[in-house]
C-alpha atoms as a PDB file:
ATOM      1  CA  UNK A   1      40.380  11.027  29.759  1.00  0.00           C
ATOM      2  CA  UNK A   2      43.281   8.840  30.885  1.00  0.00           C
ATOM      3  CA  UNK A   3      43.201   6.973  27.569  1.00  0.00           C
ATOM      4  CA  UNK A   4      43.468  10.255  25.651  1.00  0.00           C
ATOM      5  CA  UNK A   5      46.435  11.294  27.803  1.00  0.00           C
ATOM      6  CA  UNK A   6      48.200   7.960  27.190  1.00  0.00           C
ATOM      7  CA  UNK A   7      47.658   8.269  23.430  1.00  0.00           C
ATOM      8  CA  UNK A   8      49.078  11.788  23.530  1.00  0.00           C
ATOM      9  CA  UNK A   9      52.162  10.570  25.454  1.00  0.00           C
ATOM     10  CA  UNK A  10      52.672   7.732  22.972  1.00  0.00           C
ATOM     11  CA  UNK A  11      52.311  10.076  20.006  1.00  0.00           C
ATOM     12  CA  UNK A  12      54.691  12.637  21.485  1.00  0.00           C
ATOM     13  CA  UNK A  13      57.178   9.890  22.367  1.00  0.00           C
ATOM     14  CA  UNK A  14      57.121   8.702  18.749  1.00  0.00           C
ATOM     15  CA  UNK A  15      57.703  12.275  17.590  1.00  0.00           C
ATOM     16  CA  UNK A  16      60.638  12.693  19.980  1.00  0.00           C
ATOM     17  CA  UNK A  17      62.086   9.365  18.789  1.00  0.00           C
ATOM     18  CA  UNK A  18      61.774  10.584  15.192  1.00  0.00           C
ATOM     19  CA  UNK A  19      63.584  13.787  16.166  1.00  0.00           C
ATOM     20  CA  UNK A  20      66.490  11.724  17.528  1.00  0.00           C
ATOM     21  CA  UNK A  21      66.873  10.374  13.992  1.00  0.00           C
ATOM     22  CA  UNK A  22      66.587  13.748  12.250  1.00  0.00           C
ATOM     23  CA  UNK A  23      68.457  16.163  14.516  1.00  0.00           C
ATOM     24  CA  UNK A  24      71.908  14.607  14.024  1.00  0.00           C
ATOM     25  CA  UNK A  25      71.558  15.404  10.310  1.00  0.00           C
ATOM     26  CA  UNK A  26      71.694  19.070  11.327  1.00  0.00           C
ATOM     27  CA  UNK A  27      75.322  18.523  12.325  1.00  0.00           C
ATOM     28  CA  UNK A  28      76.093  17.443   8.769  1.00  0.00           C
ATOM     29  CA  UNK A  29      76.936  13.909   9.874  1.00  0.00           C
ATOM     30  CA  UNK A  30      80.342  15.136  11.029  1.00  0.00           C
ATOM     31  CA  UNK A  31      80.959  13.020  14.143  1.00  0.00           C
ATOM     32  CA  UNK A  32      83.144  15.653  15.833  1.00  0.00           C
ATOM     33  CA  UNK A  33      80.393  18.282  15.580  1.00  0.00           C
ATOM     34  CA  UNK A  34      77.733  15.762  16.598  1.00  0.00           C
ATOM     35  CA  UNK A  35      79.653  14.749  19.704  1.00  0.00           C
ATOM     36  CA  UNK A  36      80.054  18.419  20.637  1.00  0.00           C
ATOM     37  CA  UNK A  37      76.398  19.444  20.090  1.00  0.00           C
ATOM     38  CA  UNK A  38      74.761  16.216  21.313  1.00  0.00           C
ATOM     39  CA  UNK A  39      71.699  16.561  19.035  1.00  0.00           C
ATOM     40  CA  UNK A  40      70.041  13.315  20.177  1.00  0.00           C
ATOM     41  CA  UNK A  41      69.984  14.482  23.791  1.00  0.00           C
ATOM     42  CA  UNK A  42      67.529  17.347  23.231  1.00  0.00           C
ATOM     43  CA  UNK A  43      64.510  15.287  22.080  1.00  0.00           C
ATOM     44  CA  UNK A  44      65.148  12.674  24.778  1.00  0.00           C
ATOM     45  CA  UNK A  45      65.225  15.315  27.512  1.00  0.00           C
ATOM     46  CA  UNK A  46      62.072  16.921  26.106  1.00  0.00           C
ATOM     47  CA  UNK A  47      60.405  13.514  26.025  1.00  0.00           C
ATOM     48  CA  UNK A  48      61.166  13.053  29.706  1.00  0.00           C
ATOM     49  CA  UNK A  49      59.754  16.477  30.548  1.00  0.00           C
ATOM     50  CA  UNK A  50      56.572  16.181  28.475  1.00  0.00           C
ATOM     51  CA  UNK A  51      55.823  12.457  28.459  1.00  0.00           C
ATOM     52  CA  UNK A  52      57.198  11.395  31.829  1.00  0.00           C
ATOM     53  CA  UNK A  53      59.948   9.178  33.167  1.00  0.00           C
ATOM     54  CA  UNK A  54      58.902   5.839  31.608  1.00  0.00           C
ATOM     55  CA  UNK A  55      58.575   7.289  28.096  1.00  0.00           C
ATOM     56  CA  UNK A  56      61.778   9.301  28.475  1.00  0.00           C
ATOM     57  CA  UNK A  57      63.627   6.168  29.576  1.00  0.00           C
ATOM     58  CA  UNK A  58      62.255   4.104  26.663  1.00  0.00           C
ATOM     59  CA  UNK A  59      62.934   6.707  23.976  1.00  0.00           C
ATOM     60  CA  UNK A  60      66.380   7.418  25.417  1.00  0.00           C
ATOM     61  CA  UNK A  61      67.367   3.763  25.466  1.00  0.00           C
ATOM     62  CA  UNK A  62      65.987   2.858  22.050  1.00  0.00           C
ATOM     63  CA  UNK A  63      67.083   5.960  20.104  1.00  0.00           C
ATOM     64  CA  UNK A  64      70.862   5.430  19.780  1.00  0.00           C
ATOM     65  CA  UNK A  65      70.553   1.668  19.303  1.00  0.00           C
ATOM     66  CA  UNK A  66      67.874   1.976  16.630  1.00  0.00           C
ATOM     67  CA  UNK A  67      69.675   4.827  14.887  1.00  0.00           C
ATOM     68  CA  UNK A  68      72.893   2.819  14.883  1.00  0.00           C
ATOM     69  CA  UNK A  69      71.120  -0.262  13.542  1.00  0.00           C
ATOM     70  CA  UNK A  70      69.262   1.618  10.793  1.00  0.00           C
ATOM     71  CA  UNK A  71      71.773   4.310   9.800  1.00  0.00           C
ATOM     72  CA  UNK A  72      75.099   3.034  11.129  1.00  0.00           C
ATOM     73  CA  UNK A  73      75.600   6.159  13.252  1.00  0.00           C
ATOM     74  CA  UNK A  74      76.568   6.318  16.003  1.00  0.00           C
ATOM     75  CA  UNK A  75      78.684   3.157  15.810  1.00  0.00           C
ATOM     76  CA  UNK A  76      76.989   0.383  17.774  1.00  0.00           C
ATOM     77  CA  UNK A  77      79.803  -0.524  20.180  1.00  0.00           C
ATOM     78  CA  UNK A  78      80.753   1.096  22.389  1.00  0.00           C
ATOM     79  CA  UNK A  79      79.203   4.441  21.336  1.00  0.00           C
ATOM     80  CA  UNK A  80      75.494   3.667  20.768  1.00  0.00           C
ATOM     81  CA  UNK A  81      75.489   1.034  23.505  1.00  0.00           C
ATOM     82  CA  UNK A  82      76.830   3.457  26.119  1.00  0.00           C
ATOM     83  CA  UNK A  83      74.656   6.301  24.813  1.00  0.00           C
ATOM     84  CA  UNK A  84      71.586   4.105  25.298  1.00  0.00           C
ATOM     85  CA  UNK A  85      72.189   4.011  29.045  1.00  0.00           C
ATOM     86  CA  UNK A  86      73.104   7.694  29.189  1.00  0.00           C
ATOM     87  CA  UNK A  87      70.037   8.860  27.247  1.00  0.00           C
ATOM     88  CA  UNK A  88      67.719   6.500  29.106  1.00  0.00           C
ATOM     89  CA  UNK A  89      68.974   8.103  32.321  1.00  0.00           C
ATOM     90  CA  UNK A  90      68.444  11.595  30.876  1.00  0.00           C
ATOM     91  CA  UNK A  91      64.860  10.852  29.909  1.00  0.00           C
ATOM     92  CA  UNK A  92      64.028   9.074  33.143  1.00  0.00           C
ATOM     93  CA  UNK A  93      65.599  11.564  35.562  1.00  0.00           C
ATOM     94  CA  UNK A  94      64.243  14.627  33.722  1.00  0.00           C
ATOM     95  CA  UNK A  95      60.740  13.153  33.696  1.00  0.00           C
ATOM     96  CA  UNK A  96      60.844  11.851  37.248  1.00  0.00           C
ATOM     97  CA  UNK A  97      62.148  15.048  38.831  1.00  0.00           C
ATOM     98  CA  UNK A  98      59.914  17.271  36.724  1.00  0.00           C
ATOM     99  CA  UNK A  99      56.937  15.300  38.009  1.00  0.00           C
ATOM    100  CA  UNK A 100      58.063  15.295  41.663  1.00  0.00           C
ATOM    101  CA  UNK A 101      59.424  18.827  42.110  1.00  0.00           C
ATOM    102  CA  UNK A 102      57.191  21.890  42.600  1.00  0.00           C
ATOM    103  CA  UNK A 103      55.913  23.401  39.346  1.00  0.00           C
ATOM    104  CA  UNK A 104      58.300  26.361  39.357  1.00  0.00           C
ATOM    105  CA  UNK A 105      60.746  27.597  36.729  1.00  0.00           C
ATOM    106  CA  UNK A 106      63.736  26.741  38.911  1.00  0.00           C
ATOM    107  CA  UNK A 107      62.522  23.128  39.085  1.00  0.00           C
ATOM    108  CA  UNK A 108      62.931  22.819  35.312  1.00  0.00           C
ATOM    109  CA  UNK A 109      66.585  23.795  35.654  1.00  0.00           C
ATOM    110  CA  UNK A 110      67.118  21.493  38.636  1.00  0.00           C
ATOM    111  CA  UNK A 111      65.529  18.566  36.763  1.00  0.00           C
ATOM    112  CA  UNK A 112      67.602  19.279  33.662  1.00  0.00           C
ATOM    113  CA  UNK A 113      70.930  19.686  35.450  1.00  0.00           C
ATOM    114  CA  UNK A 114      70.394  16.578  37.577  1.00  0.00           C
ATOM    115  CA  UNK A 115      69.472  14.567  34.479  1.00  0.00           C
ATOM    116  CA  UNK A 116      72.549  15.814  32.626  1.00  0.00           C
ATOM    117  CA  UNK A 117      74.946  15.120  35.496  1.00  0.00           C
ATOM    118  CA  UNK A 118      73.541  11.689  36.397  1.00  0.00           C
ATOM    119  CA  UNK A 119      73.333  10.722  32.711  1.00  0.00           C
ATOM    120  CA  UNK A 120      76.981  11.614  32.158  1.00  0.00           C
ATOM    121  CA  UNK A 121      78.036   9.621  35.211  1.00  0.00           C
ATOM    122  CA  UNK A 122      76.047   6.611  33.949  1.00  0.00           C
ATOM    123  CA  UNK A 123      77.668   6.983  30.506  1.00  0.00           C
ATOM    124  CA  UNK A 124      81.108   7.014  32.147  1.00  0.00           C
ATOM    125  CA  UNK A 125      80.342   3.933  34.261  1.00  0.00           C
ATOM    126  CA  UNK A 126      79.013   1.967  31.279  1.00  0.00           C
ATOM    127  CA  UNK A 127      81.942   3.053  29.098  1.00  0.00           C
ATOM    128  CA  UNK A 128      84.382   2.018  31.841  1.00  0.00           C
ATOM    129  CA  UNK A 129      82.705  -1.425  31.991  1.00  0.00           C
ATOM    130  CA  UNK A 130      82.780  -1.736  28.195  1.00  0.00           C
ATOM    131  CA  UNK A 131      86.503  -1.002  28.242  1.00  0.00           C
ATOM    132  CA  UNK A 132      87.066  -3.974  30.522  1.00  0.00           C
ATOM    133  CA  UNK A 133      87.306  -1.972  33.763  1.00  0.00           C
ATOM    134  CA  UNK A 134      90.726  -0.857  32.543  1.00  0.00           C
ATOM    135  CA  UNK A 135      91.730   2.683  33.483  1.00  0.00           C
ATOM    136  CA  UNK A 136      94.427   2.662  30.808  1.00  0.00           C
ATOM    137  CA  UNK A 137      91.634   2.354  28.179  1.00  0.00           C
ATOM    138  CA  UNK A 138      89.092   4.627  29.883  1.00  0.00           C
ATOM    139  CA  UNK A 139      90.211   6.555  32.905  1.00  0.00           C
ATOM    140  CA  UNK A 140      89.086   9.762  34.576  1.00  0.00           C
ATOM    141  CA  UNK A 141      90.776  11.935  31.930  1.00  0.00           C
ATOM    142  CA  UNK A 142      88.908  10.141  29.144  1.00  0.00           C
ATOM    143  CA  UNK A 143      85.661  10.459  31.109  1.00  0.00           C
ATOM    144  CA  UNK A 144      86.206  14.173  31.707  1.00  0.00           C
ATOM    145  CA  UNK A 145      87.076  14.738  28.052  1.00  0.00           C
ATOM    146  CA  UNK A 146      84.168  12.712  26.684  1.00  0.00           C
ATOM    147  CA  UNK A 147      81.505  13.682  29.190  1.00  0.00           C
ATOM    148  CA  UNK A 148      82.292  17.336  29.723  1.00  0.00           C
ATOM    149  CA  UNK A 149      85.044  19.051  27.747  1.00  0.00           C
ATOM    150  CA  UNK A 150      84.144  17.787  24.266  1.00  0.00           C
ATOM    151  CA  UNK A 151      80.437  18.388  24.900  1.00  0.00           C
ATOM    152  CA  UNK A 152      80.545  21.975  26.243  1.00  0.00           C
ATOM    153  CA  UNK A 153      78.722  23.447  23.213  1.00  0.00           C
ATOM    154  CA  UNK A 154      75.945  20.848  23.535  1.00  0.00           C
ATOM    155  CA  UNK A 155      75.721  21.358  27.283  1.00  0.00           C
ATOM    156  CA  UNK A 156      75.296  25.102  26.775  1.00  0.00           C
ATOM    157  CA  UNK A 157      72.648  24.577  24.076  1.00  0.00           C
ATOM    158  CA  UNK A 158      70.731  22.188  26.351  1.00  0.00           C
ATOM    159  CA  UNK A 159      70.896  24.497  29.381  1.00  0.00           C
ATOM    160  CA  UNK A 160      69.627  27.432  27.312  1.00  0.00           C
ATOM    161  CA  UNK A 161      67.145  25.735  24.971  1.00  0.00           C
ATOM    162  CA  UNK A 162      65.440  23.031  27.050  1.00  0.00           C
ATOM    163  CA  UNK A 163      64.136  25.266  29.878  1.00  0.00           C
ATOM    164  CA  UNK A 164      62.888  27.873  27.394  1.00  0.00           C
ATOM    165  CA  UNK A 165      60.959  25.214  25.461  1.00  0.00           C
ATOM    166  CA  UNK A 166      59.598  23.461  28.541  1.00  0.00           C
ATOM    167  CA  UNK A 167      58.468  26.659  30.279  1.00  0.00           C
ATOM    168  CA  UNK A 168      56.952  28.175  27.110  1.00  0.00           C
ATOM    169  CA  UNK A 169      55.131  25.002  26.041  1.00  0.00           C
ATOM    170  CA  UNK A 170      53.804  24.320  29.534  1.00  0.00           C
ATOM    171  CA  UNK A 171      52.504  27.899  29.683  1.00  0.00           C
ATOM    172  CA  UNK A 172      50.788  27.377  26.332  1.00  0.00           C
ATOM    173  CA  UNK A 173      49.241  24.066  27.411  1.00  0.00           C
ATOM    174  CA  UNK A 174      48.055  25.482  30.735  1.00  0.00           C
ATOM    175  CA  UNK A 175      46.511  28.491  29.002  1.00  0.00           C
ATOM    176  CA  UNK A 176      44.586  26.247  26.583  1.00  0.00           C
ATOM    177  CA  UNK A 177      43.174  23.949  29.272  1.00  0.00           C
END
Protein backbone atom coordinates (compact mmCIF):
# COMPACT_ATOMS: atom_id res chain seq x y z
CA UNK A 1 0.00 0.00 0.00
CA UNK A 2 2.84 2.40 0.80
CA UNK A 3 4.36 1.80 -2.63
CA UNK A 4 1.06 2.69 -4.32
CA UNK A 5 0.85 5.89 -2.26
CA UNK A 6 4.42 6.88 -3.21
CA UNK A 7 3.69 6.27 -6.90
CA UNK A 8 0.57 8.42 -6.62
CA UNK A 9 2.57 11.24 -4.96
CA UNK A 10 5.23 11.04 -7.67
CA UNK A 11 2.63 11.07 -10.43
CA UNK A 12 0.76 14.00 -8.90
CA UNK A 13 4.03 15.87 -8.36
CA UNK A 14 4.88 15.43 -12.05
CA UNK A 15 1.42 16.72 -12.97
CA UNK A 16 1.83 19.76 -10.72
CA UNK A 17 5.28 20.42 -12.23
CA UNK A 18 3.73 20.24 -15.71
CA UNK A 19 1.07 22.73 -14.60
CA UNK A 20 3.81 25.17 -13.55
CA UNK A 21 4.91 25.12 -17.19
CA UNK A 22 1.42 25.50 -18.66
CA UNK A 23 -0.35 27.93 -16.33
CA UNK A 24 1.85 30.95 -17.13
CA UNK A 25 0.69 30.64 -20.75
CA UNK A 26 -2.77 31.59 -19.47
CA UNK A 27 -1.39 35.06 -18.72
CA UNK A 28 -0.47 35.44 -22.38
CA UNK A 29 3.24 35.55 -21.58
CA UNK A 30 2.86 39.18 -20.53
CA UNK A 31 5.31 39.45 -17.62
CA UNK A 32 3.35 42.21 -15.86
CA UNK A 33 0.19 40.07 -15.77
CA UNK A 34 2.17 36.98 -14.79
CA UNK A 35 3.82 38.75 -11.88
CA UNK A 36 0.40 39.96 -10.71
CA UNK A 37 -1.41 36.59 -10.98
CA UNK A 38 1.49 34.35 -9.91
CA UNK A 39 0.32 31.35 -11.98
CA UNK A 40 3.23 29.08 -10.99
CA UNK A 41 2.38 29.41 -7.30
CA UNK A 42 -0.98 27.61 -7.52
CA UNK A 43 0.30 24.18 -8.65
CA UNK A 44 3.20 24.34 -6.19
CA UNK A 45 0.87 25.08 -3.28
CA UNK A 46 -1.47 22.30 -4.39
CA UNK A 47 1.49 19.94 -4.63
CA UNK A 48 2.40 20.72 -1.04
CA UNK A 49 -1.16 20.11 0.13
CA UNK A 50 -1.71 16.86 -1.78
CA UNK A 51 1.75 15.33 -2.03
CA UNK A 52 3.36 16.57 1.17
CA UNK A 53 6.21 18.83 2.19
CA UNK A 54 9.11 17.04 0.45
CA UNK A 55 7.34 16.89 -2.92
CA UNK A 56 6.08 20.47 -2.57
CA UNK A 57 9.62 21.64 -1.81
CA UNK A 58 11.10 19.75 -4.78
CA UNK A 59 8.48 20.87 -7.31
CA UNK A 60 8.63 24.44 -6.01
CA UNK A 61 12.41 24.62 -6.28
CA UNK A 62 12.71 22.95 -9.67
CA UNK A 63 9.76 24.61 -11.44
CA UNK A 64 11.05 28.18 -12.01
CA UNK A 65 14.60 27.05 -12.74
CA UNK A 66 13.52 24.40 -15.24
CA UNK A 67 10.97 26.70 -16.86
CA UNK A 68 13.61 29.41 -17.19
CA UNK A 69 16.12 26.97 -18.65
CA UNK A 70 13.67 25.46 -21.15
CA UNK A 71 11.50 28.45 -22.08
CA UNK A 72 13.55 31.47 -21.03
CA UNK A 73 10.79 32.71 -18.72
CA UNK A 74 11.07 33.79 -16.02
CA UNK A 75 14.58 35.17 -16.56
CA UNK A 76 17.08 33.00 -14.71
CA UNK A 77 18.76 35.64 -12.54
CA UNK A 78 17.57 37.00 -10.27
CA UNK A 79 13.90 36.16 -10.99
CA UNK A 80 13.82 32.36 -11.41
CA UNK A 81 16.61 31.89 -8.87
CA UNK A 82 14.75 33.82 -6.17
CA UNK A 83 11.42 32.26 -7.14
CA UNK A 84 12.95 28.81 -6.65
CA UNK A 85 13.48 29.52 -2.96
CA UNK A 86 10.10 31.20 -2.60
CA UNK A 87 8.15 28.39 -4.28
CA UNK A 88 10.12 25.69 -2.47
CA UNK A 89 9.09 27.38 0.78
CA UNK A 90 5.46 27.56 -0.38
CA UNK A 91 5.34 23.86 -1.20
CA UNK A 92 7.17 22.79 1.94
CA UNK A 93 5.28 24.95 4.44
CA UNK A 94 1.85 24.21 2.91
CA UNK A 95 2.55 20.48 2.97
CA UNK A 96 4.13 20.43 6.40
CA UNK A 97 1.43 22.45 8.14
CA UNK A 98 -1.38 20.67 6.33
CA UNK A 99 0.02 17.39 7.63
CA UNK A 100 0.56 18.62 11.20
CA UNK A 101 -2.56 20.72 11.83
CA UNK A 102 -5.97 19.22 12.67
CA UNK A 103 -7.98 18.18 9.61
CA UNK A 104 -10.36 21.14 9.71
CA UNK A 105 -11.27 23.69 7.05
CA UNK A 106 -9.62 26.51 8.99
CA UNK A 107 -6.34 24.56 8.97
CA UNK A 108 -6.27 24.75 5.17
CA UNK A 109 -6.42 28.54 5.38
CA UNK A 110 -3.82 28.68 8.15
CA UNK A 111 -1.46 26.43 6.16
CA UNK A 112 -1.97 28.49 3.01
CA UNK A 113 -1.52 31.89 4.64
CA UNK A 114 1.57 30.78 6.56
CA UNK A 115 3.08 29.33 3.37
CA UNK A 116 2.36 32.53 1.45
CA UNK A 117 3.78 34.83 4.13
CA UNK A 118 6.90 32.76 4.85
CA UNK A 119 7.49 32.21 1.12
CA UNK A 120 7.34 35.94 0.44
CA UNK A 121 9.76 36.66 3.27
CA UNK A 122 12.17 34.02 1.90
CA UNK A 123 11.86 35.56 -1.59
CA UNK A 124 12.69 38.98 -0.14
CA UNK A 125 15.71 37.65 1.78
CA UNK A 126 17.09 35.82 -1.26
CA UNK A 127 16.47 38.83 -3.51
CA UNK A 128 18.22 41.09 -0.99
CA UNK A 129 21.23 38.72 -1.00
CA UNK A 130 21.24 38.59 -4.80
CA UNK A 131 21.31 42.38 -4.91
CA UNK A 132 24.51 42.38 -2.89
CA UNK A 133 22.88 43.16 0.48
CA UNK A 134 22.42 46.70 -0.84
CA UNK A 135 19.26 48.47 0.30
CA UNK A 136 19.63 51.00 -2.52
CA UNK A 137 19.12 48.11 -5.00
CA UNK A 138 16.51 46.18 -3.00
CA UNK A 139 15.12 47.80 0.09
CA UNK A 140 11.90 47.45 2.05
CA UNK A 141 9.92 49.46 -0.52
CA UNK A 142 11.04 47.15 -3.32
CA UNK A 143 10.21 44.12 -1.17
CA UNK A 144 6.76 45.47 -0.33
CA UNK A 145 6.09 46.31 -3.97
CA UNK A 146 7.33 42.98 -5.33
CA UNK A 147 6.03 40.69 -2.61
CA UNK A 148 2.69 42.26 -1.86
CA UNK A 149 1.43 45.24 -3.85
CA UNK A 150 2.18 43.96 -7.36
CA UNK A 151 0.87 40.49 -6.48
CA UNK A 152 -2.49 41.42 -4.89
CA UNK A 153 -4.56 39.84 -7.70
CA UNK A 154 -2.59 36.58 -7.42
CA UNK A 155 -2.82 36.62 -3.64
CA UNK A 156 -6.60 36.98 -3.84
CA UNK A 157 -6.87 34.19 -6.43
CA UNK A 158 -4.76 31.89 -4.23
CA UNK A 159 -6.72 32.66 -1.05
CA UNK A 160 -10.02 31.97 -2.83
CA UNK A 161 -9.08 29.10 -5.15
CA UNK A 162 -6.64 26.93 -3.18
CA UNK A 163 -8.85 26.24 -0.13
CA UNK A 164 -11.86 25.49 -2.35
CA UNK A 165 -9.84 22.97 -4.36
CA UNK A 166 -8.16 21.38 -1.35
CA UNK A 167 -11.37 21.03 0.68
CA UNK A 168 -13.43 19.75 -2.28
CA UNK A 169 -10.81 17.25 -3.48
CA UNK A 170 -10.14 15.94 0.02
CA UNK A 171 -13.88 15.45 0.50
CA UNK A 172 -14.02 13.54 -2.78
CA UNK A 173 -11.03 11.36 -1.87
CA UNK A 174 -12.38 10.63 1.61
CA UNK A 175 -15.78 9.70 0.19
CA UNK A 176 -14.20 7.25 -2.28
CA UNK A 177 -12.04 5.48 0.31
